[in-house]
Amino acid sequence: MEFLRPATWDEALAAKAEHPSALPISGGTDVMVELNFDRHRPSALLDLNRISELTAWESGRFEGQEGEVIRLGAAVPYARITRELSRELPGLALAGNTVGSPQIRNRGSVGGNLGGASPAGDAHPALLAAGRDVLVEAESVRGTRLIPIDEFYVGVKRNSLEPDELIRAVRIPVADGPQQFSKIGTRNAMVIAVCAFGIALHPKNGTVGTGIGSAAPTPRRAVEAEEFIAGELAERGLWESGALIGPAAIQRFGELVTAAASPIDDVRGTAAYRRHALAVMARRTLTWTWNEYTQSLRSAA
């Protein structure tokens, strides 16, 4: 196995072009597990740890996206997201706080989660819920592609990157409303999700975002649930009044989230349990985010 260690981003792209099968490694929290258990034996490892811009983030306005956006370097660790971006990206910060142990959170990153594309990756539900404007920057010696998050996941542990492409950053709109993340596991820490759910309220455009994890071949949205609850909020004037959504609508939202999943039985849980847990998490997180939203309306009045 070759070990490639570029010093700059341009060198990394050139190395990836010359060795398309090379496996990128930065935090190594997933890659090293695969190697240690001999589940994967790439022809080469492409070490990205010397490329400092991958561990930086910036806020600004970017072409093709509305409002303020966080451009998150692919290797920014979860610990820094939780510490530095909990206001701008609350859903992702909450998800990051559930990843593994403190040691893993200091090494693991959103770019690594995207590269692995595991259905159980904790970042995925939060990214999907954050909105359809979330874009993955995929770069090669041929140029840069901006991949909408909805189009990024194409199969079990498969993404839409070309063989010569690397993830440079993720562009995520700054939250304009409350966001939540919920995860079910066999214990509170250092656990792979049995299932997970993310939700984000977007009052500026009257939409609701969702993300389902570990309950389908790929991370996915609950589109019908999003459209249903956004319709309820608009038709009943709840965005303006902040009145209660009501148990019937919350119950229906949970049912639609469950219907969007296609879980399986495996060593971590049964399909039936995952469906039940998703409905519970959907109802709870919707209630939590709506309570936070109504409190913000009262505070602004």
C-alpha atoms as a PDB file:
ATOM      1  CA  MET A   1       0.000   0.000   0.000  1.00  0.00           C
ATOM      2  CA  GLU A   2       1.327   3.423  -0.986  1.00  0.00           C
ATOM      3  CA  PHE A   3       1.155   6.340   1.450  1.00  0.00           C
ATOM      4  CA  LEU A   4       0.703   9.732  -0.228  1.00  0.00           C
ATOM      5  CA  ARG A   5       1.216  12.875   1.873  1.00  0.00           C
ATOM      6  CA  PRO A   6       0.654  16.080  -0.122  1.00  0.00           C
ATOM      7  CA  ALA A   7       1.569  19.405   1.456  1.00  0.00           C
ATOM      8  CA  THR A   8      -0.940  21.546  -0.467  1.00  0.00           C
ATOM      9  CA  TRP A   9      -4.438  21.213  -1.849  1.00  0.00           C
ATOM     10  CA  ASP A  10      -3.168  21.330  -5.432  1.00  0.00           C
ATOM     11  CA  GLU A  11      -0.767  18.494  -4.647  1.00  0.00           C
ATOM     12  CA  ALA A  12      -3.649  16.520  -3.127  1.00  0.00           C
ATOM     13  CA  LEU A  13      -5.765  16.951  -6.269  1.00  0.00           C
ATOM     14  CA  ALA A  14      -2.844  15.931  -8.464  1.00  0.00           C
ATOM     15  CA  ALA A  15      -2.251  12.849  -6.335  1.00  0.00           C
ATOM     16  CA  LYS A  16      -5.905  11.891  -6.475  1.00  0.00           C
ATOM     17  CA  ALA A  17      -5.899  12.315 -10.266  1.00  0.00           C
ATOM     18  CA  GLU A  18      -2.860  10.057 -10.557  1.00  0.00           C
ATOM     19  CA  HIS A  19      -4.193   7.535  -8.016  1.00  0.00           C
ATOM     20  CA  PRO A  20      -8.022   7.577  -8.319  1.00  0.00           C
ATOM     21  CA  SER A  21      -8.381   4.552  -6.033  1.00  0.00           C
ATOM     22  CA  ALA A  22      -6.414   6.225  -3.210  1.00  0.00           C
ATOM     23  CA  LEU A  23      -8.468   6.471  -0.027  1.00  0.00           C
ATOM     24  CA  PRO A  24      -8.433   9.952   1.586  1.00  0.00           C
ATOM     25  CA  ILE A  25      -7.663  10.021   5.307  1.00  0.00           C
ATOM     26  CA  SER A  26      -7.758  12.945   7.712  1.00  0.00           C
ATOM     27  CA  GLY A  27      -9.314  12.160  11.095  1.00  0.00           C
ATOM     28  CA  GLY A  28      -9.187   8.448  10.330  1.00  0.00           C
ATOM     29  CA  THR A  29     -11.970   7.605  12.796  1.00  0.00           C
ATOM     30  CA  ASP A  30     -13.788   5.444  10.240  1.00  0.00           C
ATOM     31  CA  VAL A  31     -10.957   4.633   7.835  1.00  0.00           C
ATOM     32  CA  MET A  32      -8.703   3.091  10.481  1.00  0.00           C
ATOM     33  CA  VAL A  33     -11.498   0.849  11.745  1.00  0.00           C
ATOM     34  CA  GLU A  34     -11.967  -0.499   8.225  1.00  0.00           C
ATOM     35  CA  LEU A  35      -8.220  -1.065   7.834  1.00  0.00           C
ATOM     36  CA  ASN A  36      -7.703  -2.603  11.261  1.00  0.00           C
ATOM     37  CA  PHE A  37     -10.457  -5.150  10.682  1.00  0.00           C
ATOM     38  CA  ASP A  38      -9.220  -5.792   7.144  1.00  0.00           C
ATOM     39  CA  ARG A  39     -12.597  -4.826   5.685  1.00  0.00           C
ATOM     40  CA  HIS A  40     -10.945  -2.582   3.119  1.00  0.00           C
ATOM     41  CA  ARG A  41      -7.462  -2.638   1.659  1.00  0.00           C
ATOM     42  CA  PRO A  42      -6.949   0.334  -0.706  1.00  0.00           C
ATOM     43  CA  SER A  43      -4.022   0.526  -3.072  1.00  0.00           C
ATOM     44  CA  ALA A  44      -2.996   3.838  -1.491  1.00  0.00           C
ATOM     45  CA  LEU A  45      -3.831   6.177   1.379  1.00  0.00           C
ATOM     46  CA  LEU A  46      -4.018   9.905   0.677  1.00  0.00           C
ATOM     47  CA  ASP A  47      -3.163  11.754   3.905  1.00  0.00           C
ATOM     48  CA  LEU A  48      -4.759  15.226   3.969  1.00  0.00           C
ATOM     49  CA  ASN A  49      -3.588  16.294   7.432  1.00  0.00           C
ATOM     50  CA  ARG A  50      -1.001  18.791   6.178  1.00  0.00           C
ATOM     51  CA  ILE A  51      -3.613  20.860   4.283  1.00  0.00           C
ATOM     52  CA  SER A  52      -4.603  23.548   6.763  1.00  0.00           C
ATOM     53  CA  GLU A  53      -7.452  25.095   4.760  1.00  0.00           C
ATOM     54  CA  LEU A  54      -9.496  21.920   5.230  1.00  0.00           C
ATOM     55  CA  THR A  55      -9.678  22.667   8.956  1.00  0.00           C
ATOM     56  CA  ALA A  56     -10.950  26.253   8.515  1.00  0.00           C
ATOM     57  CA  TRP A  57     -14.457  27.664   8.222  1.00  0.00           C
ATOM     58  CA  GLU A  58     -15.793  31.005   7.086  1.00  0.00           C
ATOM     59  CA  SER A  59     -19.136  32.787   6.876  1.00  0.00           C
ATOM     60  CA  GLY A  60     -20.323  34.857   3.962  1.00  0.00           C
ATOM     61  CA  ARG A  61     -22.517  34.989   0.900  1.00  0.00           C
ATOM     62  CA  PHE A  62     -21.932  32.627  -1.978  1.00  0.00           C
ATOM     63  CA  GLU A  63     -23.295  32.501  -5.493  1.00  0.00           C
ATOM     64  CA  GLY A  64     -26.292  30.215  -5.835  1.00  0.00           C
ATOM     65  CA  GLN A  65     -27.265  30.408  -2.170  1.00  0.00           C
ATOM     66  CA  GLU A  66     -29.451  32.917  -0.361  1.00  0.00           C
ATOM     67  CA  GLY A  67     -28.483  34.645   2.863  1.00  0.00           C
ATOM     68  CA  GLU A  68     -25.508  33.993   5.090  1.00  0.00           C
ATOM     69  CA  VAL A  69     -23.745  30.675   4.602  1.00  0.00           C
ATOM     70  CA  ILE A  70     -21.119  28.789   6.582  1.00  0.00           C
ATOM     71  CA  ARG A  71     -18.424  27.308   4.357  1.00  0.00           C
ATOM     72  CA  LEU A  72     -17.204  24.447   6.514  1.00  0.00           C
ATOM     73  CA  GLY A  73     -13.845  22.907   5.654  1.00  0.00           C
ATOM     74  CA  ALA A  74     -14.072  19.167   5.129  1.00  0.00           C
ATOM     75  CA  ALA A  75     -11.769  18.386   8.079  1.00  0.00           C
ATOM     76  CA  VAL A  76     -13.166  20.780  10.707  1.00  0.00           C
ATOM     77  CA  PRO A  77     -13.648  18.417  13.677  1.00  0.00           C
ATOM     78  CA  TYR A  78     -16.984  17.967  15.415  1.00  0.00           C
ATOM     79  CA  ALA A  79     -15.608  19.361  18.674  1.00  0.00           C
ATOM     80  CA  ARG A  80     -14.998  22.724  16.989  1.00  0.00           C
ATOM     81  CA  ILE A  81     -18.410  22.722  15.290  1.00  0.00           C
ATOM     82  CA  THR A  82     -20.057  22.234  18.681  1.00  0.00           C
ATOM     83  CA  ARG A  83     -17.849  24.854  20.313  1.00  0.00           C
ATOM     84  CA  GLU A  84     -17.758  27.505  17.570  1.00  0.00           C
ATOM     85  CA  LEU A  85     -20.898  27.093  15.452  1.00  0.00           C
ATOM     86  CA  SER A  86     -23.715  26.123  17.808  1.00  0.00           C
ATOM     87  CA  ARG A  87     -25.608  29.343  16.997  1.00  0.00           C
ATOM     88  CA  GLU A  88     -25.130  29.264  13.232  1.00  0.00           C
ATOM     89  CA  LEU A  89     -25.539  25.496  12.762  1.00  0.00           C
ATOM     90  CA  PRO A  90     -27.442  24.272  15.843  1.00  0.00           C
ATOM     91  CA  GLY A  91     -28.660  20.993  14.353  1.00  0.00           C
ATOM     92  CA  LEU A  92     -25.196  19.989  13.178  1.00  0.00           C
ATOM     93  CA  ALA A  93     -23.684  21.045  16.522  1.00  0.00           C
ATOM     94  CA  LEU A  94     -26.182  18.858  18.398  1.00  0.00           C
ATOM     95  CA  ALA A  95     -25.432  15.939  16.093  1.00  0.00           C
ATOM     96  CA  GLY A  96     -21.693  16.492  16.485  1.00  0.00           C
ATOM     97  CA  ASN A  97     -22.012  16.327  20.246  1.00  0.00           C
ATOM     98  CA  THR A  98     -23.325  12.745  19.980  1.00  0.00           C
ATOM     99  CA  VAL A  99     -20.436  11.450  17.871  1.00  0.00           C
ATOM    100  CA  GLY A 100     -18.330   8.859  19.663  1.00  0.00           C
ATOM    101  CA  SER A 101     -16.052   9.901  22.505  1.00  0.00           C
ATOM    102  CA  PRO A 102     -14.273  13.252  23.047  1.00  0.00           C
ATOM    103  CA  GLN A 103     -11.253  11.803  21.247  1.00  0.00           C
ATOM    104  CA  ILE A 104     -13.375  10.912  18.206  1.00  0.00           C
ATOM    105  CA  ARG A 105     -15.081  14.329  18.214  1.00  0.00           C
ATOM    106  CA  ASN A 106     -11.661  15.976  18.150  1.00  0.00           C
ATOM    107  CA  ARG A 107     -10.711  14.055  14.993  1.00  0.00           C
ATOM    108  CA  GLY A 108     -13.907  13.137  13.118  1.00  0.00           C
ATOM    109  CA  SER A 109     -15.412  15.586  10.643  1.00  0.00           C
ATOM    110  CA  VAL A 110     -18.392  16.221   8.391  1.00  0.00           C
ATOM    111  CA  GLY A 111     -16.194  15.659   5.334  1.00  0.00           C
ATOM    112  CA  GLY A 112     -15.316  12.225   6.653  1.00  0.00           C
ATOM    113  CA  ASN A 113     -18.977  11.407   7.260  1.00  0.00           C
ATOM    114  CA  LEU A 114     -19.818  12.465   3.714  1.00  0.00           C
ATOM    115  CA  GLY A 115     -16.925  10.536   2.222  1.00  0.00           C
ATOM    116  CA  GLY A 116     -17.955   7.348   4.006  1.00  0.00           C
ATOM    117  CA  ALA A 117     -21.656   7.963   3.252  1.00  0.00           C
ATOM    118  CA  SER A 118     -22.755   5.485   5.911  1.00  0.00           C
ATOM    119  CA  PRO A 119     -26.536   5.563   6.506  1.00  0.00           C
ATOM    120  CA  ALA A 120     -25.704   5.787  10.225  1.00  0.00           C
ATOM    121  CA  GLY A 121     -23.475   8.872   9.941  1.00  0.00           C
ATOM    122  CA  ASP A 122     -24.588  11.417  12.535  1.00  0.00           C
ATOM    123  CA  ALA A 123     -24.025  14.500  10.359  1.00  0.00           C
ATOM    124  CA  HIS A 124     -26.345  13.414   7.550  1.00  0.00           C
ATOM    125  CA  PRO A 125     -29.789  14.041   9.150  1.00  0.00           C
ATOM    126  CA  ALA A 126     -28.718  17.509  10.259  1.00  0.00           C
ATOM    127  CA  LEU A 127     -27.335  18.383   6.811  1.00  0.00           C
ATOM    128  CA  LEU A 128     -30.521  17.224   5.072  1.00  0.00           C
ATOM    129  CA  ALA A 129     -32.738  19.122   7.512  1.00  0.00           C
ATOM    130  CA  ALA A 130     -30.671  22.294   7.098  1.00  0.00           C
ATOM    131  CA  GLY A 131     -32.192  22.756   3.650  1.00  0.00           C
ATOM    132  CA  ARG A 132     -31.908  21.969  -0.018  1.00  0.00           C
ATOM    133  CA  ASP A 133     -29.362  24.769  -0.373  1.00  0.00           C
ATOM    134  CA  VAL A 134     -26.697  22.715   1.407  1.00  0.00           C
ATOM    135  CA  LEU A 135     -23.941  22.127  -1.156  1.00  0.00           C
ATOM    136  CA  VAL A 136     -20.927  19.825  -1.119  1.00  0.00           C
ATOM    137  CA  GLU A 137     -17.824  21.254  -2.806  1.00  0.00           C
ATOM    138  CA  ALA A 138     -16.258  18.415  -4.807  1.00  0.00           C
ATOM    139  CA  GLU A 139     -12.991  19.350  -6.468  1.00  0.00           C
ATOM    140  CA  SER A 140     -10.555  17.721  -8.875  1.00  0.00           C
ATOM    141  CA  VAL A 141      -7.860  18.883 -11.273  1.00  0.00           C
ATOM    142  CA  ARG A 142     -10.749  19.353 -13.740  1.00  0.00           C
ATOM    143  CA  GLY A 143     -12.483  21.954 -11.569  1.00  0.00           C
ATOM    144  CA  THR A 144     -15.107  22.299  -8.835  1.00  0.00           C
ATOM    145  CA  ARG A 145     -18.601  20.807  -8.683  1.00  0.00           C
ATOM    146  CA  LEU A 146     -21.278  21.915  -6.212  1.00  0.00           C
ATOM    147  CA  ILE A 147     -23.385  18.863  -5.343  1.00  0.00           C
ATOM    148  CA  PRO A 148     -26.763  19.486  -3.643  1.00  0.00           C
ATOM    149  CA  ILE A 149     -26.998  17.418  -0.477  1.00  0.00           C
ATOM    150  CA  ASP A 150     -30.154  15.698  -1.791  1.00  0.00           C
ATOM    151  CA  GLU A 151     -28.121  14.303  -4.699  1.00  0.00           C
ATOM    152  CA  PHE A 152     -25.017  13.313  -2.762  1.00  0.00           C
ATOM    153  CA  TYR A 153     -26.100   9.946  -1.331  1.00  0.00           C
ATOM    154  CA  VAL A 154     -26.572   7.298  -4.023  1.00  0.00           C
ATOM    155  CA  GLY A 155     -26.435   3.955  -2.165  1.00  0.00           C
ATOM    156  CA  VAL A 156     -25.239   2.139   0.935  1.00  0.00           C
ATOM    157  CA  LYS A 157     -21.902   3.803   1.742  1.00  0.00           C
ATOM    158  CA  ARG A 158     -21.850   5.268  -1.769  1.00  0.00           C
ATOM    159  CA  ASN A 159     -21.776   8.911  -2.761  1.00  0.00           C
ATOM    160  CA  SER A 160     -21.799  10.845  -6.018  1.00  0.00           C
ATOM    161  CA  LEU A 161     -18.099  11.772  -6.037  1.00  0.00           C
ATOM    162  CA  GLU A 162     -16.119  10.971  -9.148  1.00  0.00           C
ATOM    163  CA  PRO A 163     -12.981   8.820  -8.630  1.00  0.00           C
ATOM    164  CA  ASP A 164     -10.649  11.812  -8.978  1.00  0.00           C
ATOM    165  CA  GLU A 165     -12.646  14.165  -6.718  1.00  0.00           C
ATOM    166  CA  LEU A 166     -12.067  15.207  -3.115  1.00  0.00           C
ATOM    167  CA  ILE A 167     -14.440  17.007  -0.752  1.00  0.00           C
ATOM    168  CA  ARG A 168     -13.063  20.450  -0.012  1.00  0.00           C
ATOM    169  CA  ALA A 169     -15.913  21.998   1.998  1.00  0.00           C
ATOM    170  CA  VAL A 170     -19.630  21.988   2.699  1.00  0.00           C
ATOM    171  CA  ARG A 171     -21.723  25.131   2.310  1.00  0.00           C
ATOM    172  CA  ILE A 172     -24.531  25.249   4.881  1.00  0.00           C
ATOM    173  CA  PRO A 173     -27.030  28.119   5.260  1.00  0.00           C
ATOM    174  CA  VAL A 174     -27.001  29.750   8.675  1.00  0.00           C
ATOM    175  CA  ALA A 175     -30.059  28.670  10.660  1.00  0.00           C
ATOM    176  CA  ASP A 176     -33.002  31.070  10.493  1.00  0.00           C
ATOM    177  CA  GLY A 177     -35.037  29.082  13.013  1.00  0.00           C
ATOM    178  CA  PRO A 178     -34.748  26.362  15.644  1.00  0.00           C
ATOM    179  CA  GLN A 179     -33.154  23.012  14.804  1.00  0.00           C
ATOM    180  CA  GLN A 180     -32.994  19.716  16.673  1.00  0.00           C
ATOM    181  CA  PHE A 181     -31.297  16.336  16.427  1.00  0.00           C
ATOM    182  CA  SER A 182     -32.251  13.095  18.142  1.00  0.00           C
ATOM    183  CA  LYS A 183     -30.494   9.738  18.151  1.00  0.00           C
ATOM    184  CA  ILE A 184     -31.357   6.322  19.545  1.00  0.00           C
ATOM    185  CA  GLY A 185     -28.561   3.985  20.586  1.00  0.00           C
ATOM    186  CA  THR A 186     -27.823   1.212  23.020  1.00  0.00           C
ATOM    187  CA  ARG A 187     -26.090   3.710  25.323  1.00  0.00           C
ATOM    188  CA  ASN A 188     -25.563   7.457  25.570  1.00  0.00           C
ATOM    189  CA  ALA A 189     -22.031   7.674  24.186  1.00  0.00           C
ATOM    190  CA  MET A 190     -19.627   5.958  21.794  1.00  0.00           C
ATOM    191  CA  VAL A 191     -22.462   4.299  19.931  1.00  0.00           C
ATOM    192  CA  ILE A 192     -23.580   3.917  16.316  1.00  0.00           C
ATOM    193  CA  ALA A 193     -27.150   5.120  15.867  1.00  0.00           C
ATOM    194  CA  VAL A 194     -29.945   2.576  15.785  1.00  0.00           C
ATOM    195  CA  CYS A 195     -31.770   5.420  14.090  1.00  0.00           C
ATOM    196  CA  ALA A 196     -31.549   9.205  14.087  1.00  0.00           C
ATOM    197  CA  PHE A 197     -33.680  12.173  13.105  1.00  0.00           C
ATOM    198  CA  GLY A 198     -33.000  15.831  12.393  1.00  0.00           C
ATOM    199  CA  ILE A 199     -35.472  18.682  11.993  1.00  0.00           C
ATOM    200  CA  ALA A 200     -35.131  22.377  11.158  1.00  0.00           C
ATOM    201  CA  LEU A 201     -37.742  25.124  11.016  1.00  0.00           C
ATOM    202  CA  HIS A 202     -37.203  27.664   8.243  1.00  0.00           C
ATOM    203  CA  PRO A 203     -39.592  30.544   9.027  1.00  0.00           C
ATOM    204  CA  LYS A 204     -38.099  32.846   6.371  1.00  0.00           C
ATOM    205  CA  ASN A 205     -39.510  30.702   3.567  1.00  0.00           C
ATOM    206  CA  GLY A 206     -42.161  28.834   5.559  1.00  0.00           C
ATOM    207  CA  THR A 207     -40.636  25.381   5.164  1.00  0.00           C
ATOM    208  CA  VAL A 208     -39.602  22.557   7.472  1.00  0.00           C
ATOM    209  CA  GLY A 209     -36.578  20.343   6.839  1.00  0.00           C
ATOM    210  CA  THR A 210     -36.080  16.772   8.004  1.00  0.00           C
ATOM    211  CA  GLY A 211     -33.388  14.117   7.854  1.00  0.00           C
ATOM    212  CA  ILE A 212     -33.575  10.396   8.644  1.00  0.00           C
ATOM    213  CA  GLY A 213     -30.494   8.395   9.563  1.00  0.00           C
ATOM    214  CA  SER A 214     -29.822   4.679   9.942  1.00  0.00           C
ATOM    215  CA  ALA A 215     -33.305   3.691   8.800  1.00  0.00           C
ATOM    216  CA  ALA A 216     -32.890   3.356   5.015  1.00  0.00           C
ATOM    217  CA  PRO A 217     -30.133   2.406   2.525  1.00  0.00           C
ATOM    218  CA  THR A 218     -29.119   6.073   2.440  1.00  0.00           C
ATOM    219  CA  PRO A 219     -29.788   9.111   4.615  1.00  0.00           C
ATOM    220  CA  ARG A 220     -33.020  10.660   3.353  1.00  0.00           C
ATOM    221  CA  ARG A 221     -35.678  13.284   3.898  1.00  0.00           C
ATOM    222  CA  ALA A 222     -39.252  12.678   4.974  1.00  0.00           C
ATOM    223  CA  VAL A 223     -40.619  14.825   2.143  1.00  0.00           C
ATOM    224  CA  GLU A 224     -44.335  14.186   2.711  1.00  0.00           C
ATOM    225  CA  ALA A 225     -43.922  14.933   6.404  1.00  0.00           C
ATOM    226  CA  GLU A 226     -42.156  18.201   5.578  1.00  0.00           C
ATOM    227  CA  GLU A 227     -44.886  19.262   3.171  1.00  0.00           C
ATOM    228  CA  PHE A 228     -47.666  18.259   5.558  1.00  0.00           C
ATOM    229  CA  ILE A 229     -46.413  20.173   8.580  1.00  0.00           C
ATOM    230  CA  ALA A 230     -45.359  23.213   6.534  1.00  0.00           C
ATOM    231  CA  GLY A 231     -48.878  23.265   5.073  1.00  0.00           C
ATOM    232  CA  GLU A 232     -50.405  23.085   8.544  1.00  0.00           C
ATOM    233  CA  LEU A 233     -48.287  25.964   9.798  1.00  0.00           C
ATOM    234  CA  ALA A 234     -49.119  28.130   6.779  1.00  0.00           C
ATOM    235  CA  GLU A 235     -52.835  27.367   6.453  1.00  0.00           C
ATOM    236  CA  ARG A 236     -53.538  27.912  10.148  1.00  0.00           C
ATOM    237  CA  GLY A 237     -51.375  31.038  10.378  1.00  0.00           C
ATOM    238  CA  LEU A 238     -49.177  29.457  13.032  1.00  0.00           C
ATOM    239  CA  TRP A 239     -45.949  31.025  11.808  1.00  0.00           C
ATOM    240  CA  GLU A 240     -47.453  34.406  12.722  1.00  0.00           C
ATOM    241  CA  SER A 241     -49.449  33.483  15.830  1.00  0.00           C
ATOM    242  CA  GLY A 242     -47.129  30.935  17.432  1.00  0.00           C
ATOM    243  CA  ALA A 243     -50.181  28.981  18.596  1.00  0.00           C
ATOM    244  CA  LEU A 244     -50.026  25.288  19.429  1.00  0.00           C
ATOM    245  CA  ILE A 245     -49.715  22.889  16.514  1.00  0.00           C
ATOM    246  CA  GLY A 246     -51.991  20.387  18.218  1.00  0.00           C
ATOM    247  CA  PRO A 247     -51.636  16.667  18.956  1.00  0.00           C
ATOM    248  CA  ALA A 248     -53.387  15.443  15.798  1.00  0.00           C
ATOM    249  CA  ALA A 249     -50.979  17.254  13.464  1.00  0.00           C
ATOM    250  CA  ILE A 250     -47.949  16.224  15.535  1.00  0.00           C
ATOM    251  CA  GLN A 251     -49.125  12.604  15.477  1.00  0.00           C
ATOM    252  CA  ARG A 252     -49.605  12.717  11.715  1.00  0.00           C
ATOM    253  CA  PHE A 253     -46.152  14.218  11.252  1.00  0.00           C
ATOM    254  CA  GLY A 254     -44.638  11.279  13.133  1.00  0.00           C
ATOM    255  CA  GLU A 255     -46.591   8.796  11.020  1.00  0.00           C
ATOM    256  CA  LEU A 256     -45.365  10.392   7.785  1.00  0.00           C
ATOM    257  CA  VAL A 257     -41.751  10.374   8.991  1.00  0.00           C
ATOM    258  CA  THR A 258     -42.082   6.671   9.736  1.00  0.00           C
ATOM    259  CA  ALA A 259     -43.596   6.042   6.305  1.00  0.00           C
ATOM    260  CA  ALA A 260     -40.582   7.691   4.648  1.00  0.00           C
ATOM    261  CA  ALA A 261     -38.163   5.193   6.208  1.00  0.00           C
ATOM    262  CA  SER A 262     -37.293   1.728   4.920  1.00  0.00           C
ATOM    263  CA  PRO A 263     -35.382   0.138   7.802  1.00  0.00           C
ATOM    264  CA  ILE A 264     -34.057  -3.403   8.132  1.00  0.00           C
ATOM    265  CA  ASP A 265     -33.445  -5.824  10.984  1.00  0.00           C
ATOM    266  CA  ASP A 266     -29.778  -5.931  11.987  1.00  0.00           C
ATOM    267  CA  VAL A 267     -27.572  -6.412  15.026  1.00  0.00           C
ATOM    268  CA  ARG A 268     -28.413  -2.952  16.386  1.00  0.00           C
ATOM    269  CA  GLY A 269     -32.211  -3.141  16.176  1.00  0.00           C
ATOM    270  CA  THR A 270     -35.277  -4.375  14.351  1.00  0.00           C
ATOM    271  CA  ALA A 271     -37.073  -2.590  11.554  1.00  0.00           C
ATOM    272  CA  ALA A 272     -40.196  -2.375  13.715  1.00  0.00           C
ATOM    273  CA  TYR A 273     -38.292  -0.744  16.559  1.00  0.00           C
ATOM    274  CA  ARG A 274     -36.697   1.757  14.199  1.00  0.00           C
ATOM    275  CA  ARG A 275     -40.096   2.764  12.826  1.00  0.00           C
ATOM    276  CA  HIS A 276     -41.483   3.211  16.334  1.00  0.00           C
ATOM    277  CA  ALA A 277     -38.432   5.203  17.463  1.00  0.00           C
ATOM    278  CA  LEU A 278     -38.555   7.497  14.427  1.00  0.00           C
ATOM    279  CA  ALA A 279     -42.184   8.378  15.116  1.00  0.00           C
ATOM    280  CA  VAL A 280     -41.346   9.212  18.735  1.00  0.00           C
ATOM    281  CA  MET A 281     -38.292  11.280  17.792  1.00  0.00           C
ATOM    282  CA  ALA A 282     -40.218  13.126  15.085  1.00  0.00           C
ATOM    283  CA  ARG A 283     -43.003  14.096  17.497  1.00  0.00           C
ATOM    284  CA  ARG A 284     -40.596  15.153  20.213  1.00  0.00           C
ATOM    285  CA  THR A 285     -38.241  17.179  18.038  1.00  0.00           C
ATOM    286  CA  LEU A 286     -41.129  18.940  16.304  1.00  0.00           C
ATOM    287  CA  THR A 287     -42.526  19.877  19.712  1.00  0.00           C
ATOM    288  CA  TRP A 288     -39.133  21.063  20.970  1.00  0.00           C
ATOM    289  CA  THR A 289     -38.416  23.206  17.917  1.00  0.00           C
ATOM    290  CA  TRP A 290     -41.925  24.692  17.877  1.00  0.00           C
ATOM    291  CA  ASN A 291     -41.730  25.564  21.575  1.00  0.00           C
ATOM    292  CA  GLU A 292     -38.410  27.294  20.924  1.00  0.00           C
ATOM    293  CA  TYR A 293     -39.905  29.161  17.979  1.00  0.00           C
ATOM    294  CA  THR A 294     -42.936  30.382  19.934  1.00  0.00           C
ATOM    295  CA  GLN A 295     -40.666  31.534  22.763  1.00  0.00           C
ATOM    296  CA  SER A 296     -38.663  33.586  20.268  1.00  0.00           C
ATOM    297  CA  LEU A 297     -41.896  35.201  19.006  1.00  0.00           C
ATOM    298  CA  ARG A 298     -42.896  36.142  22.542  1.00  0.00           C
ATOM    299  CA  SER A 299     -39.446  37.525  23.274  1.00  0.00           C
ATOM    300  CA  ALA A 300     -39.577  39.667  20.122  1.00  0.00           C
ATOM    301  CA  ALA A 301     -43.089  41.013  20.875  1.00  0.00           C
END
